[in-house]
Amino acid sequence: MSVPNFKGYEDVVRFLRTGGDVWYYTMVEEYMDMIASDLPEEEFDVEELNGWIENELGELQEGYEDYVDQR
């Protein structure tokens, strides 16, 4: 699984238009809806998005490990 590392707003828009990876698409879409939908392009913080994706992946990993440990 290749984690997207967006370089700018255009990368994010392209990712959403082409469907992107299904694991990350919903994360990016949620971020854009919650945080970035009202921001002008020049105020969009791509590093914040990249960090948010990493955080979400960490939470998924923790949930998976908890599930496996309980089995």
C-alpha atoms as a PDB file:
ATOM      1  CA  MET A   1       0.000   0.000   0.000  1.00  0.00           C
ATOM      2  CA  SER A   2       1.465   3.300  -1.082  1.00  0.00           C
ATOM      3  CA  VAL A   3       0.673   6.227   1.191  1.00  0.00           C
ATOM      4  CA  PRO A   4      -0.001   9.383  -0.807  1.00  0.00           C
ATOM      5  CA  ASN A   5       2.307  12.279  -0.060  1.00  0.00           C
ATOM      6  CA  PHE A   6       0.647  15.246  -1.657  1.00  0.00           C
ATOM      7  CA  LYS A   7       2.846  18.084  -2.891  1.00  0.00           C
ATOM      8  CA  GLY A   8       0.100  20.664  -3.284  1.00  0.00           C
ATOM      9  CA  TYR A   9      -3.556  21.434  -3.709  1.00  0.00           C
ATOM     10  CA  GLU A  10      -3.497  20.349  -7.350  1.00  0.00           C
ATOM     11  CA  ASP A  11      -2.297  16.863  -6.343  1.00  0.00           C
ATOM     12  CA  VAL A  12      -5.219  16.524  -3.947  1.00  0.00           C
ATOM     13  CA  VAL A  13      -7.775  17.625  -6.546  1.00  0.00           C
ATOM     14  CA  ARG A  14      -6.279  15.240  -9.121  1.00  0.00           C
ATOM     15  CA  PHE A  15      -6.381  12.388  -6.583  1.00  0.00           C
ATOM     16  CA  LEU A  16     -10.056  13.040  -5.831  1.00  0.00           C
ATOM     17  CA  ARG A  17     -11.008  13.382  -9.503  1.00  0.00           C
ATOM     18  CA  THR A  18      -9.303  10.144 -10.547  1.00  0.00           C
ATOM     19  CA  GLY A  19     -10.637   8.138  -7.613  1.00  0.00           C
ATOM     20  CA  GLY A  20      -7.272   7.588  -5.977  1.00  0.00           C
ATOM     21  CA  ASP A  21      -6.534   4.605  -3.765  1.00  0.00           C
ATOM     22  CA  VAL A  22      -9.708   3.380  -2.050  1.00  0.00           C
ATOM     23  CA  TRP A  23      -8.004   3.236   1.367  1.00  0.00           C
ATOM     24  CA  TYR A  24      -7.083   6.881   1.231  1.00  0.00           C
ATOM     25  CA  TYR A  25      -9.853   8.334  -0.893  1.00  0.00           C
ATOM     26  CA  THR A  26     -12.378   8.468   1.939  1.00  0.00           C
ATOM     27  CA  MET A  27      -9.766   9.933   4.298  1.00  0.00           C
ATOM     28  CA  VAL A  28      -8.871  12.704   1.873  1.00  0.00           C
ATOM     29  CA  GLU A  29     -12.501  13.350   1.026  1.00  0.00           C
ATOM     30  CA  GLU A  30     -13.397  13.603   4.723  1.00  0.00           C
ATOM     31  CA  TYR A  31     -10.497  15.970   5.394  1.00  0.00           C
ATOM     32  CA  MET A  32     -11.466  18.196   2.506  1.00  0.00           C
ATOM     33  CA  ASP A  33     -15.116  18.255   3.627  1.00  0.00           C
ATOM     34  CA  MET A  34     -14.308  18.936   7.306  1.00  0.00           C
ATOM     35  CA  ILE A  35     -11.353  21.278   7.131  1.00  0.00           C
ATOM     36  CA  ALA A  36     -10.451  22.522   3.708  1.00  0.00           C
ATOM     37  CA  SER A  37     -13.759  23.002   1.910  1.00  0.00           C
ATOM     38  CA  ASP A  38     -14.010  26.691   2.833  1.00  0.00           C
ATOM     39  CA  LEU A  39     -10.330  27.540   2.420  1.00  0.00           C
ATOM     40  CA  PRO A  40      -8.988  29.353  -0.609  1.00  0.00           C
ATOM     41  CA  GLU A  41      -6.375  27.317  -2.470  1.00  0.00           C
ATOM     42  CA  GLU A  42      -3.519  29.545  -1.306  1.00  0.00           C
ATOM     43  CA  GLU A  43      -4.372  28.875   2.366  1.00  0.00           C
ATOM     44  CA  PHE A  44      -4.605  25.106   1.946  1.00  0.00           C
ATOM     45  CA  ASP A  45      -1.954  23.353   4.088  1.00  0.00           C
ATOM     46  CA  VAL A  46      -0.915  20.185   2.280  1.00  0.00           C
ATOM     47  CA  GLU A  47       1.480  19.224   5.089  1.00  0.00           C
ATOM     48  CA  GLU A  48      -1.435  19.240   7.520  1.00  0.00           C
ATOM     49  CA  LEU A  49      -3.340  16.880   5.208  1.00  0.00           C
ATOM     50  CA  ASN A  50      -0.346  14.559   4.881  1.00  0.00           C
ATOM     51  CA  GLY A  51       0.011  14.510   8.682  1.00  0.00           C
ATOM     52  CA  TRP A  52      -3.695  13.898   9.119  1.00  0.00           C
ATOM     53  CA  ILE A  53      -3.517  10.873   6.809  1.00  0.00           C
ATOM     54  CA  GLU A  54      -0.585   9.488   8.814  1.00  0.00           C
ATOM     55  CA  ASN A  55      -2.560   9.986  12.023  1.00  0.00           C
ATOM     56  CA  GLU A  56      -5.609   8.218  10.584  1.00  0.00           C
ATOM     57  CA  LEU A  57      -3.414   5.319   9.459  1.00  0.00           C
ATOM     58  CA  GLY A  58      -1.949   5.084  12.968  1.00  0.00           C
ATOM     59  CA  GLU A  59      -5.437   4.860  14.440  1.00  0.00           C
ATOM     60  CA  LEU A  60      -6.403   2.152  11.951  1.00  0.00           C
ATOM     61  CA  GLN A  61      -3.250   0.218  12.797  1.00  0.00           C
ATOM     62  CA  GLU A  62      -3.953   0.478  16.540  1.00  0.00           C
ATOM     63  CA  GLY A  63      -7.524  -0.710  16.026  1.00  0.00           C
ATOM     64  CA  TYR A  64      -6.330  -3.649  13.972  1.00  0.00           C
ATOM     65  CA  GLU A  65      -3.728  -4.608  16.569  1.00  0.00           C
ATOM     66  CA  ASP A  66      -6.340  -4.412  19.348  1.00  0.00           C
ATOM     67  CA  TYR A  67      -8.646  -6.637  17.313  1.00  0.00           C
ATOM     68  CA  VAL A  68      -5.908  -9.200  16.674  1.00  0.00           C
ATOM     69  CA  ASP A  69      -4.842  -9.186  20.327  1.00  0.00           C
ATOM     70  CA  GLN A  70      -8.410  -9.923  21.446  1.00  0.00           C
ATOM     71  CA  ARG A  71      -8.743 -12.993  19.235  1.00  0.00           C
END
